[in-house]
């Protein structure tokens, strides 16, 4: 990445933060694309991630480190539990370049037990690729992830994967997308055959045929009636295929950039990630259509990407990404301006100044120093317990970015440790993983054992695995004395104090010191709410950290 100084005279634009402005800063921001890949488990998300990196000639870490033949360097799933179970359980960040565009790819967990991780990740992206299994269509997890994207108006590119296997009819898949997601579709290519007879795709705009397992640039043709198409299908298939193409061109909407950027239309591509087919289409679509870094909402104003002063928000914390380092990394989305290595910034939550002496770019678990970064980039900031999820870093301004929410856990447990001598180490480990967002930690005010909470059962497996593998703490889970957790507050200080005194044995504090009510049952929670209307109970806590 370039080291030149950003222009001082640059002024931000309201709607096009990095376009139409002179100077290096505007140019660098305009060529950033920060996106996530969302999918139901087993739809091929991680395979597509790796093929995007390989296909784009993107096997370089921050422009320096070439990938080795060892696939470990290109894997986005790096934890032992991920490799053993074949799932993604943490967000992996990869920064790479393709066609003079800098990509920040965030590979999110697909399993619903990690929905809180995924939600936090989606606060840091400007667009998303939605992967759909051609045989299964839209599945429950896909729908939930799409709803999160819709809440944030995130533009979505759709990739219908596994066309080389048994699949639904393409028209049926388009119809399902439109009816289930209430999202207009604009097919950009059309498959030629499916399953064992999948031969490639026909580009509806060029026109051009791209053959599977051949040169991805494809072959120009005169149109759907070109005689070459007759050689790719059985005679009885050609007529229906041409009718489909005609129907798609007449009935489906043409691609509209404005509608796509507003999140109301999705361009649709077909392919096979496993066979590396259709991948370049997605990279080219991201370059051409995906928005550059968007403006970010703060409590008092909108932070525009092309502002010359740097701001950033911490959206993820991860420890022990590399056992050789035993470090903790805070992942920051640069929201505006230019970050340079060594610059001093203000941690607004504490008011203290810190130096960004070793910001880092990531390629899964590999890393390199980031000499500079721009709005849209995701960088790692080495963290020794100072930074928390939701923190804002600025060049002096007191900014409060709109909060990253914490959701009330659905599973609550206590942890049994056979070796009492190591209780302090367990306490420190739980605090560190609570800061990462792996679990939520609740410390009862009466001094009894802490309670840990997670969204799904698989998160408990991750917690147990990491305590054993990373901290050397074999543990067992025990039932907690509570069934439900709710944050509570009141505008009446006297009433709040009285409530705290009366229910001391069922009250705890979370990592931030906020009070929670540990309800023994849903019935108990309901009756407590009825008896104390002056107390506000909440199952979501917005972390508005400035």
Protein backbone atom coordinates (compact mmCIF):
# COMPACT_ATOMS: atom_id res chain seq x y z
CA UNK A 1 0.00 0.00 0.00
CA UNK A 2 1.10 3.55 -0.76
CA UNK A 3 2.86 5.69 1.84
CA UNK A 4 2.23 9.15 0.41
CA UNK A 5 0.68 11.87 2.50
CA UNK A 6 -3.07 12.48 2.24
CA UNK A 7 -4.16 15.84 0.89
CA UNK A 8 -5.02 18.34 3.60
CA UNK A 9 -7.53 20.31 1.57
CA UNK A 10 -9.91 17.36 1.00
CA UNK A 11 -13.50 18.00 2.04
CA UNK A 12 -15.98 15.12 2.61
CA UNK A 13 -18.96 14.46 0.34
CA UNK A 14 -22.28 13.53 1.91
CA UNK A 15 -23.51 10.78 -0.38
CA UNK A 16 -20.43 9.71 -2.33
CA UNK A 17 -17.74 9.70 0.33
CA UNK A 18 -14.83 8.80 -1.89
CA UNK A 19 -15.90 9.70 -5.41
CA UNK A 20 -15.40 12.87 -7.41
CA UNK A 21 -12.80 14.28 -5.02
CA UNK A 22 -9.21 15.04 -5.96
CA UNK A 23 -6.20 13.71 -4.17
CA UNK A 24 -4.70 10.54 -2.82
CA UNK A 25 -7.07 10.12 0.13
CA UNK A 26 -10.17 10.07 -2.08
CA UNK A 27 -8.51 7.70 -4.54
CA UNK A 28 -7.43 5.25 -1.86
CA UNK A 29 -10.84 5.21 -0.18
CA UNK A 30 -12.65 4.78 -3.50
CA UNK A 31 -10.77 1.59 -4.27
CA UNK A 32 -11.68 -0.13 -0.98
CA UNK A 33 -14.35 -2.86 -0.87
CA UNK A 34 -15.20 -4.30 2.53
CA UNK A 35 -17.57 -7.24 2.39
CA UNK A 36 -18.75 -10.36 4.19
CA UNK A 37 -19.86 -13.74 2.95
CA UNK A 38 -23.11 -15.00 4.48
CA UNK A 39 -24.67 -18.43 4.06
CA UNK A 40 -26.35 -21.36 5.74
CA UNK A 41 -23.86 -23.97 6.98
CA UNK A 42 -22.64 -26.30 4.20
CA UNK A 43 -23.68 -23.94 1.40
CA UNK A 44 -20.00 -23.61 0.44
CA UNK A 45 -19.13 -20.32 2.11
CA UNK A 46 -15.63 -21.21 3.30
CA UNK A 47 -14.81 -22.90 -0.01
CA UNK A 48 -15.90 -19.77 -1.87
CA UNK A 49 -13.80 -17.63 0.46
CA UNK A 50 -10.67 -19.59 -0.34
CA UNK A 51 -11.39 -19.66 -4.07
CA UNK A 52 -11.95 -15.89 -4.15
CA UNK A 53 -8.48 -15.48 -2.68
CA UNK A 54 -6.86 -17.99 -5.01
CA UNK A 55 -8.71 -16.97 -8.14
CA UNK A 56 -8.14 -13.27 -7.71
CA UNK A 57 -4.38 -13.70 -7.56
CA UNK A 58 -4.94 -12.52 -4.01
CA UNK A 59 -2.54 -14.80 -2.27
CA UNK A 60 -0.49 -12.10 -0.71
CA UNK A 61 -0.55 -10.68 2.76
CA UNK A 62 -0.76 -6.89 2.67
CA UNK A 63 1.05 -6.94 -0.67
CA UNK A 64 4.09 -8.71 0.70
CA UNK A 65 3.78 -12.37 1.65
CA UNK A 66 3.08 -14.89 -1.08
CA UNK A 67 0.99 -17.91 -0.14
CA UNK A 68 2.86 -21.15 0.21
CA UNK A 69 1.76 -24.52 -1.06
CA UNK A 70 0.66 -25.37 2.45
CA UNK A 71 -3.07 -24.71 2.45
CA UNK A 72 -2.86 -23.46 6.01
CA UNK A 73 -1.89 -20.07 4.63
CA UNK A 74 -5.11 -19.72 2.66
CA UNK A 75 -7.54 -21.23 5.12
CA UNK A 76 -9.98 -18.92 6.81
CA UNK A 77 -10.86 -21.59 9.40
CA UNK A 78 -7.81 -21.68 11.66
CA UNK A 79 -8.97 -22.87 15.09
CA UNK A 80 -8.62 -26.57 15.90
CA UNK A 81 -12.34 -26.95 16.55
CA UNK A 82 -13.10 -25.38 13.17
CA UNK A 83 -10.84 -27.78 11.31
CA UNK A 84 -12.14 -30.83 13.20
CA UNK A 85 -15.82 -30.01 12.70
CA UNK A 86 -15.61 -28.33 9.30
CA UNK A 87 -17.35 -25.15 10.46
CA UNK A 88 -16.49 -21.49 10.97
CA UNK A 89 -16.92 -20.31 14.54
CA UNK A 90 -15.09 -16.98 14.47
CA UNK A 91 -14.85 -14.16 11.98
CA UNK A 92 -11.69 -14.37 9.90
CA UNK A 93 -10.31 -11.24 8.22
CA UNK A 94 -8.40 -11.23 4.95
CA UNK A 95 -6.98 -8.15 3.19
CA UNK A 96 -5.88 -8.54 -0.42
CA UNK A 97 -5.74 -6.73 -3.76
CA UNK A 98 -7.28 -7.50 -7.15
CA UNK A 99 -7.48 -5.23 -10.21
CA UNK A 100 -6.21 -2.21 -8.26
CA UNK A 101 -8.97 -2.75 -5.69
CA UNK A 102 -8.23 -3.42 -2.01
CA UNK A 103 -10.57 -6.01 -0.55
CA UNK A 104 -11.27 -6.57 3.12
CA UNK A 105 -13.05 -9.92 3.27
CA UNK A 106 -14.74 -10.93 6.52
CA UNK A 107 -15.63 -14.62 6.60
CA UNK A 108 -18.42 -14.89 9.18
CA UNK A 109 -19.56 -17.90 11.22
CA UNK A 110 -22.42 -19.64 9.45
CA UNK A 111 -23.81 -21.55 12.42
CA UNK A 112 -26.72 -19.91 14.22
CA UNK A 113 -25.09 -20.49 17.60
CA UNK A 114 -22.67 -17.69 16.67
CA UNK A 115 -25.26 -15.16 15.52
CA UNK A 116 -23.91 -12.51 17.89
CA UNK A 117 -20.44 -12.75 16.25
CA UNK A 118 -22.01 -12.46 12.82
CA UNK A 119 -24.10 -9.46 13.78
CA UNK A 120 -21.03 -7.62 15.04
CA UNK A 121 -19.16 -8.45 11.84
CA UNK A 122 -21.97 -7.14 9.65
CA UNK A 123 -21.68 -3.76 11.35
CA UNK A 124 -18.21 -3.47 9.79
CA UNK A 125 -18.98 -4.23 6.12
CA UNK A 126 -20.37 -2.25 3.19
CA UNK A 127 -21.69 -5.17 1.12
CA UNK A 128 -22.16 -8.93 1.26
CA UNK A 129 -22.13 -12.03 -0.93
CA UNK A 130 -25.04 -14.36 -0.13
CA UNK A 131 -24.25 -17.98 -0.99
CA UNK A 132 -27.22 -20.26 -1.74
CA UNK A 133 -27.04 -24.02 -2.24
CA UNK A 134 -28.65 -24.69 -5.65
CA UNK A 135 -30.34 -27.84 -4.35
CA UNK A 136 -31.60 -26.50 -1.02
CA UNK A 137 -32.48 -22.93 -1.92
CA UNK A 138 -32.96 -20.41 0.87
CA UNK A 139 -32.49 -22.02 4.28
CA UNK A 140 -33.30 -20.73 7.74
CA UNK A 141 -29.87 -19.33 8.53
CA UNK A 142 -29.68 -17.59 5.16
CA UNK A 143 -32.98 -15.89 5.92
CA UNK A 144 -31.85 -14.68 9.34
CA UNK A 145 -28.57 -13.31 8.01
CA UNK A 146 -30.38 -11.58 5.19
CA UNK A 147 -32.71 -9.91 7.69
CA UNK A 148 -29.67 -8.51 9.53
CA UNK A 149 -28.30 -7.17 6.24
CA UNK A 150 -31.65 -5.60 5.43
CA UNK A 151 -31.73 -3.80 8.79
CA UNK A 152 -28.46 -2.14 7.80
CA UNK A 153 -29.35 -1.67 4.08
CA UNK A 154 -26.33 -3.74 3.10
CA UNK A 155 -26.22 -4.41 -0.68
CA UNK A 156 -26.15 -8.13 -1.48
CA UNK A 157 -24.69 -10.03 -4.42
CA UNK A 158 -26.20 -13.53 -4.72
CA UNK A 159 -24.13 -16.56 -5.70
CA UNK A 160 -26.10 -19.75 -6.38
CA UNK A 161 -23.54 -22.45 -5.71
CA UNK A 162 -23.13 -26.15 -6.55
CA UNK A 163 -24.69 -26.02 -10.03
CA UNK A 164 -22.53 -29.03 -10.90
CA UNK A 165 -24.63 -31.15 -8.53
CA UNK A 166 -28.32 -31.92 -8.50
CA UNK A 167 -30.12 -28.60 -8.29
CA UNK A 168 -33.47 -26.89 -8.43
CA UNK A 169 -34.54 -25.17 -11.62
CA UNK A 170 -32.89 -21.72 -11.89
CA UNK A 171 -36.24 -19.97 -12.43
CA UNK A 172 -37.58 -21.58 -9.26
CA UNK A 173 -34.57 -20.33 -7.31
CA UNK A 174 -35.08 -16.78 -8.56
CA UNK A 175 -38.74 -16.96 -7.66
CA UNK A 176 -37.86 -18.20 -4.17
CA UNK A 177 -35.44 -15.31 -3.62
CA UNK A 178 -38.03 -12.75 -4.68
CA UNK A 179 -40.90 -14.23 -2.64
CA UNK A 180 -39.01 -15.26 0.49
CA UNK A 181 -36.71 -12.25 0.77
CA UNK A 182 -38.93 -9.65 -0.93
CA UNK A 183 -35.88 -8.80 -2.99
CA UNK A 184 -35.83 -8.04 -6.70
CA UNK A 185 -33.45 -10.21 -8.73
CA UNK A 186 -31.33 -9.33 -11.74
CA UNK A 187 -29.69 -12.49 -13.15
CA UNK A 188 -26.33 -11.55 -14.65
CA UNK A 189 -25.55 -14.96 -16.15
CA UNK A 190 -27.69 -17.99 -16.95
CA UNK A 191 -26.59 -21.60 -16.42
CA UNK A 192 -26.18 -23.96 -19.33
CA UNK A 193 -27.36 -27.27 -17.94
CA UNK A 194 -27.14 -28.40 -14.33
CA UNK A 195 -25.92 -31.34 -12.31
CA UNK A 196 -23.76 -33.68 -14.34
CA UNK A 197 -24.67 -31.80 -17.52
CA UNK A 198 -23.63 -28.39 -16.22
CA UNK A 199 -21.51 -26.93 -19.00
CA UNK A 200 -21.07 -23.31 -17.94
CA UNK A 201 -22.93 -20.01 -18.03
CA UNK A 202 -24.23 -17.59 -20.62
CA UNK A 203 -23.49 -13.95 -19.85
CA UNK A 204 -26.74 -12.07 -20.36
CA UNK A 205 -25.06 -8.69 -20.89
CA UNK A 206 -22.03 -9.36 -23.08
CA UNK A 207 -23.13 -11.96 -24.51
CA UNK A 208 -20.48 -14.58 -23.83
CA UNK A 209 -20.24 -18.24 -22.84
CA UNK A 210 -17.97 -19.31 -20.01
CA UNK A 211 -17.17 -23.01 -19.90
CA UNK A 212 -16.64 -24.89 -16.67
CA UNK A 213 -13.06 -26.11 -16.16
CA UNK A 214 -11.83 -23.89 -19.03
CA UNK A 215 -10.57 -20.35 -19.58
CA UNK A 216 -12.74 -18.16 -17.30
CA UNK A 217 -12.72 -15.34 -19.87
CA UNK A 218 -15.00 -17.45 -22.01
CA UNK A 219 -15.99 -17.07 -25.65
CA UNK A 220 -18.02 -14.25 -27.22
CA UNK A 221 -21.18 -15.38 -29.01
CA UNK A 222 -23.80 -13.63 -31.13
CA UNK A 223 -26.61 -14.33 -28.65
CA UNK A 224 -28.70 -17.19 -27.24
CA UNK A 225 -29.37 -18.41 -30.80
CA UNK A 226 -25.67 -18.86 -31.58
CA UNK A 227 -25.14 -22.34 -33.10
CA UNK A 228 -22.34 -23.12 -30.64
CA UNK A 229 -24.94 -23.50 -27.89
CA UNK A 230 -26.47 -26.43 -29.82
CA UNK A 231 -23.22 -28.32 -29.29
CA UNK A 232 -23.36 -27.93 -25.50
CA UNK A 233 -26.75 -29.51 -24.85
CA UNK A 234 -28.89 -32.39 -25.97
CA UNK A 235 -31.23 -31.44 -28.83
CA UNK A 236 -34.29 -31.68 -26.61
CA UNK A 237 -32.70 -29.27 -24.09
CA UNK A 238 -31.78 -26.45 -26.45
CA UNK A 239 -35.28 -25.16 -27.18
CA UNK A 240 -36.43 -24.97 -23.53
CA UNK A 241 -33.13 -23.31 -22.59
CA UNK A 242 -33.56 -20.58 -25.19
CA UNK A 243 -37.14 -20.03 -24.01
CA UNK A 244 -35.83 -19.64 -20.44
CA UNK A 245 -33.24 -17.07 -21.51
CA UNK A 246 -35.89 -15.13 -23.41
CA UNK A 247 -38.22 -15.25 -20.40
CA UNK A 248 -35.46 -14.11 -18.04
CA UNK A 249 -34.51 -11.21 -20.29
CA UNK A 250 -38.15 -10.10 -20.62
CA UNK A 251 -39.53 -10.81 -17.14
CA UNK A 252 -36.62 -10.30 -14.73
CA UNK A 253 -35.45 -6.83 -13.93
CA UNK A 254 -32.29 -5.52 -15.49
CA UNK A 255 -29.50 -4.60 -13.13
CA UNK A 256 -29.96 -1.19 -11.51
CA UNK A 257 -26.97 0.12 -9.54
CA UNK A 258 -29.05 2.49 -7.42
CA UNK A 259 -31.53 -0.22 -6.41
CA UNK A 260 -28.63 -2.57 -5.60
CA UNK A 261 -26.86 -0.02 -3.42
CA UNK A 262 -30.15 0.69 -1.61
CA UNK A 263 -30.48 -3.02 -0.83
CA UNK A 264 -33.68 -3.64 -2.82
CA UNK A 265 -32.19 -5.59 -5.75
CA UNK A 266 -29.61 -8.35 -5.95
CA UNK A 267 -27.55 -9.34 -8.99
CA UNK A 268 -27.54 -13.15 -9.27
CA UNK A 269 -24.65 -15.32 -10.43
CA UNK A 270 -24.49 -19.10 -10.85
CA UNK A 271 -21.47 -21.37 -10.47
CA UNK A 272 -19.52 -23.92 -8.49
CA UNK A 273 -17.07 -22.69 -5.87
CA UNK A 274 -15.53 -26.15 -5.50
CA UNK A 275 -14.65 -26.18 -9.20
CA UNK A 276 -13.64 -22.52 -9.13
CA UNK A 277 -16.35 -21.56 -11.59
CA UNK A 278 -18.17 -18.25 -11.38
CA UNK A 279 -15.68 -16.88 -8.86
CA UNK A 280 -14.20 -14.23 -11.11
CA UNK A 281 -17.71 -12.98 -11.85
CA UNK A 282 -18.10 -12.21 -8.16
CA UNK A 283 -14.77 -10.40 -7.87
CA UNK A 284 -15.56 -8.33 -10.95
CA UNK A 285 -19.02 -7.53 -9.58
CA UNK A 286 -17.51 -6.33 -6.30
CA UNK A 287 -15.10 -4.10 -8.21
CA UNK A 288 -17.80 -2.67 -10.48
CA UNK A 289 -20.90 -2.50 -8.29
CA UNK A 290 -20.14 -2.83 -4.56
CA UNK A 291 -20.03 0.53 -2.77
CA UNK A 292 -16.81 2.07 -1.52
CA UNK A 293 -16.66 2.72 2.24
CA UNK A 294 -19.95 4.15 3.41
CA UNK A 295 -20.53 6.89 5.97
CA UNK A 296 -20.94 5.74 9.57
CA UNK A 297 -23.61 6.99 11.96
CA UNK A 298 -22.51 8.40 15.30
CA UNK A 299 -24.59 9.78 18.15
CA UNK A 300 -24.08 13.45 17.27
CA UNK A 301 -23.31 13.36 13.54
CA UNK A 302 -22.53 11.22 10.52
CA UNK A 303 -18.85 10.38 10.11
CA UNK A 304 -18.03 10.62 6.42
CA UNK A 305 -15.48 8.25 4.96
CA UNK A 306 -13.52 10.93 3.10
CA UNK A 307 -12.89 13.13 6.15
CA UNK A 308 -9.17 13.67 6.51
CA UNK A 309 -9.12 12.84 10.24
CA UNK A 310 -9.00 9.18 11.15
CA UNK A 311 -11.75 7.49 13.16
CA UNK A 312 -12.30 3.78 13.77
CA UNK A 313 -14.48 1.37 15.71
CA UNK A 314 -13.51 -1.91 17.37
CA UNK A 315 -15.96 -4.63 16.32
CA UNK A 316 -14.11 -7.83 17.27
CA UNK A 317 -11.46 -9.01 19.72
CA UNK A 318 -9.62 -12.29 19.34
CA UNK A 319 -6.98 -13.93 21.51
CA UNK A 320 -4.33 -16.49 20.66
CA UNK A 321 -4.82 -16.44 16.90
CA UNK A 322 -1.30 -17.81 16.73
CA UNK A 323 -0.15 -19.94 19.70
CA UNK A 324 3.38 -18.72 19.06
CA UNK A 325 2.29 -15.14 19.76
CA UNK A 326 -0.20 -15.74 22.62
CA UNK A 327 -1.49 -12.26 21.86
CA UNK A 328 -4.86 -10.55 21.85
CA UNK A 329 -5.91 -8.58 18.82
CA UNK A 330 -8.62 -5.92 18.51
CA UNK A 331 -10.05 -5.67 15.00
CA UNK A 332 -10.87 -2.13 13.95
CA UNK A 333 -12.86 -0.90 10.98
CA UNK A 334 -11.32 2.38 9.85
CA UNK A 335 -14.36 4.63 9.44
CA UNK A 336 -12.76 7.74 8.02
CA UNK A 337 -9.48 9.21 6.91
CA UNK A 338 -6.05 7.63 6.93
CA UNK A 339 -4.33 5.57 9.60
CA UNK A 340 -0.54 5.57 9.72
CA UNK A 341 1.67 3.32 11.76
CA UNK A 342 2.85 5.05 14.93
CA UNK A 343 0.12 7.70 14.99
CA UNK A 344 -1.37 8.63 18.36
CA UNK A 345 -5.12 8.32 18.80
CA UNK A 346 -7.65 8.95 21.52
CA UNK A 347 -9.57 6.07 23.09
CA UNK A 348 -12.75 8.04 23.65
CA UNK A 349 -14.24 5.75 26.33
CA UNK A 350 -11.34 6.47 28.70
CA UNK A 351 -10.09 9.75 27.27
CA UNK A 352 -6.56 8.37 27.16
CA UNK A 353 -4.11 8.56 24.28
CA UNK A 354 -2.56 5.46 22.78
CA UNK A 355 -0.07 4.90 19.97
CA UNK A 356 -0.88 2.63 17.04
CA UNK A 357 2.66 1.33 16.96
CA UNK A 358 1.97 -2.01 15.26
CA UNK A 359 -1.33 -2.06 13.34
CA UNK A 360 -1.59 -5.21 11.26
CA UNK A 361 -3.27 -6.56 8.15
CA UNK A 362 -4.48 -10.14 8.23
CA UNK A 363 -4.72 -12.99 5.83
CA UNK A 364 -6.62 -15.49 8.00
CA UNK A 365 -4.09 -16.27 10.76
CA UNK A 366 -1.11 -14.75 8.94
CA UNK A 367 -0.26 -11.10 9.38
CA UNK A 368 1.97 -8.19 8.38
CA UNK A 369 2.51 -4.67 9.65
CA UNK A 370 0.19 -2.05 8.18
CA UNK A 371 2.22 1.05 7.42
CA UNK A 372 -1.01 2.80 6.49
CA UNK A 373 -4.71 2.05 6.11
CA UNK A 374 -7.73 3.95 4.85
CA UNK A 375 -11.45 4.18 5.50
CA UNK A 376 -12.93 0.76 4.83
CA UNK A 377 -9.83 -1.17 5.82
CA UNK A 378 -9.89 -3.62 8.72
CA UNK A 379 -6.72 -3.65 10.81
CA UNK A 380 -5.67 -5.49 13.91
CA UNK A 381 -4.52 -3.48 16.92
CA UNK A 382 -2.50 -5.41 19.53
CA UNK A 383 -4.51 -5.21 22.73
CA UNK A 384 -3.62 -5.99 26.32
CA UNK A 385 -7.07 -5.64 27.78
CA UNK A 386 -7.33 -1.90 27.04
CA UNK A 387 -9.73 -2.05 24.09
CA UNK A 388 -13.27 -3.42 24.11
CA UNK A 389 -15.87 -4.17 21.47
CA UNK A 390 -17.57 -0.92 20.47
CA UNK A 391 -14.64 1.35 21.37
CA UNK A 392 -14.00 4.38 19.15
CA UNK A 393 -10.48 5.56 18.30
CA UNK A 394 -10.12 9.09 16.91
CA UNK A 395 -7.59 11.86 16.34
CA UNK A 396 -9.09 13.76 19.25
CA UNK A 397 -12.82 14.11 18.64
CA UNK A 398 -15.26 12.67 21.17
CA UNK A 399 -17.37 10.41 18.97
CA UNK A 400 -19.89 7.82 20.09
CA UNK A 401 -20.64 5.39 17.29
CA UNK A 402 -24.07 3.84 17.42
CA UNK A 403 -23.78 0.79 19.58
CA UNK A 404 -23.00 -2.81 18.78
CA UNK A 405 -25.67 -4.69 20.73
CA UNK A 406 -25.23 -7.48 23.26
CA UNK A 407 -28.02 -10.05 23.22
CA UNK A 408 -29.24 -11.85 26.33
CA UNK A 409 -27.73 -15.35 26.37
CA UNK A 410 -30.01 -18.34 25.97
CA UNK A 411 -27.81 -20.86 27.80
CA UNK A 412 -26.40 -20.21 31.27
CA UNK A 413 -23.81 -22.35 33.09
CA UNK A 414 -21.35 -22.36 35.93
CA UNK A 415 -17.88 -23.77 35.45
CA UNK A 416 -16.39 -26.48 37.64
CA UNK A 417 -12.60 -26.57 37.98
CA UNK A 418 -11.09 -29.61 39.67
CA UNK A 419 -7.86 -27.83 40.59
CA UNK A 420 -8.87 -25.00 42.94
CA UNK A 421 -5.31 -23.66 42.92
CA UNK A 422 -5.86 -22.54 39.33
CA UNK A 423 -9.01 -20.55 40.11
CA UNK A 424 -7.31 -17.22 39.43
CA UNK A 425 -6.14 -18.40 36.02
CA UNK A 426 -9.71 -19.45 35.21
CA UNK A 427 -11.00 -16.07 36.34
CA UNK A 428 -8.52 -14.28 34.07
CA UNK A 429 -9.30 -16.60 31.14
CA UNK A 430 -13.04 -16.01 31.45
CA UNK A 431 -12.56 -12.26 31.62
CA UNK A 432 -10.39 -12.32 28.51
CA UNK A 433 -12.90 -14.40 26.56
CA UNK A 434 -15.76 -12.21 27.73
CA UNK A 435 -13.85 -9.20 26.37
CA UNK A 436 -13.55 -11.08 23.07
CA UNK A 437 -17.27 -11.75 22.99
CA UNK A 438 -16.81 -15.53 23.13
CA UNK A 439 -19.05 -15.67 26.21
CA UNK A 440 -20.85 -13.26 28.48
CA UNK A 441 -19.67 -13.20 32.07
CA UNK A 442 -21.92 -12.32 35.01
CA UNK A 443 -20.44 -11.85 38.49
CA UNK A 444 -23.08 -12.09 41.26
CA UNK A 445 -22.93 -9.15 43.66
CA UNK A 446 -23.16 -11.52 46.64
CA UNK A 447 -19.76 -13.00 45.77
CA UNK A 448 -20.97 -16.41 44.62
CA UNK A 449 -19.54 -18.21 41.60
CA UNK A 450 -19.78 -16.40 38.26
CA UNK A 451 -22.24 -17.43 35.58
CA UNK A 452 -21.30 -17.65 31.90
CA UNK A 453 -23.84 -17.20 29.14
CA UNK A 454 -23.85 -18.09 25.43
CA UNK A 455 -26.30 -17.83 22.55
CA UNK A 456 -26.01 -21.47 21.42
CA UNK A 457 -24.73 -24.81 22.66
CA UNK A 458 -21.85 -24.91 20.18
CA UNK A 459 -20.41 -21.82 21.85
CA UNK A 460 -20.07 -23.87 25.04
CA UNK A 461 -18.02 -26.41 23.09
CA UNK A 462 -15.77 -23.62 21.82
CA UNK A 463 -15.40 -22.26 25.36
CA UNK A 464 -14.47 -25.67 26.76
CA UNK A 465 -12.09 -26.37 23.89
CA UNK A 466 -10.28 -23.06 24.23
CA UNK A 467 -10.00 -23.27 28.02
CA UNK A 468 -8.39 -26.68 27.60
CA UNK A 469 -6.21 -26.06 24.54
CA UNK A 470 -5.13 -22.46 25.09
CA UNK A 471 -5.16 -22.07 28.85
CA UNK A 472 -4.53 -25.65 30.03
CA UNK A 473 -7.70 -25.63 32.13
CA UNK A 474 -9.78 -28.83 31.84
CA UNK A 475 -13.25 -27.85 33.06
CA UNK A 476 -16.78 -29.18 33.35
CA UNK A 477 -20.04 -27.26 32.98
CA UNK A 478 -22.62 -27.24 35.74
CA UNK A 479 -26.19 -26.02 35.86
CA UNK A 480 -26.56 -22.36 36.80
CA UNK A 481 -29.02 -21.24 39.49
CA UNK A 482 -30.84 -19.12 36.91
CA UNK A 483 -32.74 -19.65 33.69
CA UNK A 484 -32.86 -16.17 32.16
CA UNK A 485 -30.77 -13.00 32.23
CA UNK A 486 -32.08 -9.46 31.76
CA UNK A 487 -30.35 -6.13 32.05
CA UNK A 488 -32.26 -3.68 34.20
CA UNK A 489 -32.28 0.04 34.94
CA UNK A 490 -34.56 2.75 36.28
CA UNK A 491 -34.96 6.50 36.05
CA UNK A 492 -35.84 6.45 39.76
CA UNK A 493 -32.55 6.18 41.69
CA UNK A 494 -34.29 5.39 44.97
CA UNK A 495 -36.37 2.63 43.40
CA UNK A 496 -33.27 1.16 41.77
CA UNK A 497 -31.40 1.13 45.08
CA UNK A 498 -34.31 -0.57 46.81
CA UNK A 499 -34.52 -3.19 44.06
CA UNK A 500 -30.79 -3.90 44.34
CA UNK A 501 -31.07 -4.44 48.09
CA UNK A 502 -34.17 -6.65 47.89
CA UNK A 503 -32.92 -8.96 45.15
CA UNK A 504 -29.23 -9.03 46.01
CA UNK A 505 -28.97 -12.84 45.72
CA UNK A 506 -30.23 -12.79 42.11
CA UNK A 507 -28.32 -9.77 40.83
CA UNK A 508 -24.98 -9.77 39.01
CA UNK A 509 -22.83 -7.38 37.01
CA UNK A 510 -21.64 -7.94 33.47
CA UNK A 511 -18.17 -7.17 32.15
CA UNK A 512 -18.98 -3.45 31.90
CA UNK A 513 -20.36 -3.28 35.43
CA UNK A 514 -23.99 -3.03 34.30
CA UNK A 515 -26.56 -4.80 36.45
CA UNK A 516 -28.41 -7.93 35.34
CA UNK A 517 -31.24 -9.85 36.97
CA UNK A 518 -30.59 -13.62 37.15
CA UNK A 519 -34.14 -14.96 36.96
CA UNK A 520 -34.61 -18.53 38.23
CA UNK A 521 -37.38 -18.99 35.66
CA UNK A 522 -39.38 -17.16 33.00
CA UNK A 523 -42.32 -17.16 35.41
CA UNK A 524 -40.17 -15.51 38.09
CA UNK A 525 -39.02 -12.87 35.60
CA UNK A 526 -42.58 -12.12 34.55
CA UNK A 527 -43.86 -11.78 38.11
CA UNK A 528 -40.87 -9.60 39.11
CA UNK A 529 -41.57 -7.27 36.19
CA UNK A 530 -45.22 -7.00 37.22
CA UNK A 531 -44.32 -6.18 40.83
CA UNK A 532 -41.77 -3.54 39.80
CA UNK A 533 -43.07 -1.50 36.86
CA UNK A 534 -40.59 1.24 37.76
CA UNK A 535 -37.73 -1.07 36.72
CA UNK A 536 -36.97 -1.45 33.02
CA UNK A 537 -35.86 -4.93 31.93
CA UNK A 538 -34.11 -5.48 28.58
CA UNK A 539 -32.95 -8.53 26.62
CA UNK A 540 -30.64 -6.41 24.44
CA UNK A 541 -27.99 -4.01 25.65
CA UNK A 542 -26.69 -1.43 23.22
CA UNK A 543 -22.98 -0.90 23.70
CA UNK A 544 -22.69 2.79 22.85
CA UNK A 545 -19.03 3.21 23.57
CA UNK A 546 -17.52 6.49 22.51
